[in-house]
Protein backbone atom coordinates (compact mmCIF):
# COMPACT_ATOMS: atom_id res chain seq x y z
CA UNK A 1 0.00 0.00 0.00
CA UNK A 2 1.32 3.37 -1.02
CA UNK A 3 -0.26 6.49 0.41
CA UNK A 4 0.38 9.40 -1.91
CA UNK A 5 -0.05 9.17 -5.68
CA UNK A 6 2.14 11.95 -6.95
CA UNK A 7 5.30 11.43 -8.98
CA UNK A 8 7.25 9.79 -6.15
CA UNK A 9 4.46 7.48 -4.97
CA UNK A 10 3.64 6.23 -8.47
CA UNK A 11 7.30 5.76 -9.42
CA UNK A 12 8.28 3.93 -6.23
CA UNK A 13 5.21 1.68 -6.39
CA UNK A 14 5.84 0.80 -10.05
CA UNK A 15 9.52 0.03 -9.49
CA UNK A 16 8.93 -2.01 -6.34
CA UNK A 17 6.07 -3.92 -7.97
CA UNK A 18 8.30 -4.83 -10.91
CA UNK A 19 11.14 -5.88 -8.59
CA UNK A 20 8.81 -8.10 -6.56
CA UNK A 21 7.35 -9.65 -9.72
CA UNK A 22 10.84 -10.60 -10.90
CA UNK A 23 12.00 -11.78 -7.47
CA UNK A 24 9.08 -13.91 -6.23
CA UNK A 25 9.57 -16.76 -8.72
CA UNK A 26 13.16 -17.16 -7.51
CA UNK A 27 12.10 -17.96 -3.95
CA UNK A 28 10.28 -21.31 -3.61
CA UNK A 29 9.18 -20.51 -0.04
CA UNK A 30 7.09 -17.68 -1.45
CA UNK A 31 5.28 -19.84 -3.99
CA UNK A 32 1.65 -18.83 -4.14
CA UNK A 33 2.20 -15.40 -2.63
CA UNK A 34 0.25 -12.82 -4.60
CA UNK A 35 0.97 -9.27 -3.44
CA UNK A 36 -1.86 -6.77 -3.48
CA UNK A 37 -0.76 -3.34 -4.66
CA UNK A 38 -2.80 -0.32 -3.56
CA UNK A 39 -2.14 3.30 -4.46
CA UNK A 40 -4.08 5.79 -2.35
CA UNK A 41 -4.56 9.48 -2.85
CA UNK A 42 -6.75 11.81 -0.85
CA UNK A 43 -7.41 14.01 -3.86
CA UNK A 44 -9.74 13.54 -6.82
CA UNK A 45 -7.06 11.95 -9.00
CA UNK A 46 -3.52 10.72 -9.04
CA UNK A 47 -0.53 12.38 -10.73
CA UNK A 48 -2.20 15.76 -10.28
CA UNK A 49 0.83 17.57 -11.70
CA UNK A 50 0.87 15.41 -14.82
CA UNK A 51 -2.75 15.16 -15.91
CA UNK A 52 -1.79 14.44 -19.53
CA UNK A 53 0.17 11.34 -18.43
CA UNK A 54 -2.61 10.07 -16.15
CA UNK A 55 -4.53 7.92 -18.72
CA UNK A 56 -1.33 6.18 -19.86
CA UNK A 57 -0.11 5.65 -16.29
CA UNK A 58 -3.53 4.36 -15.24
CA UNK A 59 -3.54 1.87 -18.14
CA UNK A 60 -0.06 0.59 -17.25
CA UNK A 61 -0.73 0.35 -13.50
CA UNK A 62 -4.11 -1.29 -14.01
CA UNK A 63 -2.53 -3.81 -16.38
CA UNK A 64 -0.04 -4.69 -13.65
CA UNK A 65 -2.73 -5.25 -11.06
CA UNK A 66 -2.38 -2.00 -9.13
CA UNK A 67 -5.57 -0.75 -7.46
CA UNK A 68 -5.85 3.04 -7.52
CA UNK A 69 -8.10 4.56 -4.87
CA UNK A 70 -8.72 8.31 -4.97
CA UNK A 71 -10.44 10.59 -2.48
CA UNK A 72 -9.35 8.09 0.18
CA UNK A 73 -6.40 8.37 2.50
CA UNK A 74 -5.02 6.83 5.67
CA UNK A 75 -7.01 7.62 8.78
CA UNK A 76 -5.11 5.40 11.18
CA UNK A 77 -2.13 3.06 11.11
CA UNK A 78 -1.49 0.46 13.79
CA UNK A 79 0.14 -2.96 14.21
CA UNK A 80 -2.89 -4.71 12.64
CA UNK A 81 -3.02 -2.63 9.50
CA UNK A 82 -4.62 0.58 8.33
CA UNK A 83 -7.99 2.22 8.56
CA UNK A 84 -8.94 4.29 5.54
CA UNK A 85 -10.95 7.49 5.60
CA UNK A 86 -13.90 5.60 4.08
CA UNK A 87 -13.99 3.36 7.19
CA UNK A 88 -12.46 0.21 5.70
CA UNK A 89 -9.79 -1.58 7.71
CA UNK A 90 -7.14 -3.42 5.72
CA UNK A 91 -4.65 -5.81 7.28
CA UNK A 92 -1.24 -4.80 5.98
CA UNK A 93 2.30 -5.77 6.77
CA UNK A 94 3.84 -2.99 4.74
CA UNK A 95 2.55 0.54 4.28
CA UNK A 96 4.69 3.16 2.59
CA UNK A 97 3.37 6.66 3.29
CA UNK A 98 4.55 9.00 0.59
CA UNK A 99 4.07 12.70 0.98
CA UNK A 100 5.21 15.56 -1.15
CA UNK A 101 7.19 18.46 0.15
CA UNK A 102 7.76 21.88 -1.37
CA UNK A 103 11.19 22.48 -2.85
CA UNK A 104 13.74 24.08 -0.53
CA UNK A 105 14.90 27.45 -1.78
């Protein structure tokens, strides 16, 4: 689960997803493991600074099994998982919050 769907969140999720896809088959103990990839953004869309790239990115991510949830963010994070702002609780072992910061001048 990645919270934050700007440039950094989308790029890190895509790279990590590809790395895991290439690595899982090499580890017999992980046979049958199917990661679930979620990309959350509290705003109305993802890649808000690159709207023209959004349809292409959505097609690629969707084709790779990434679920994109917009207008939803993390409400709470604890040892059992996360609670989303829509009330759902998802058991998660790994959550990567990704937030943007303004450039330092």
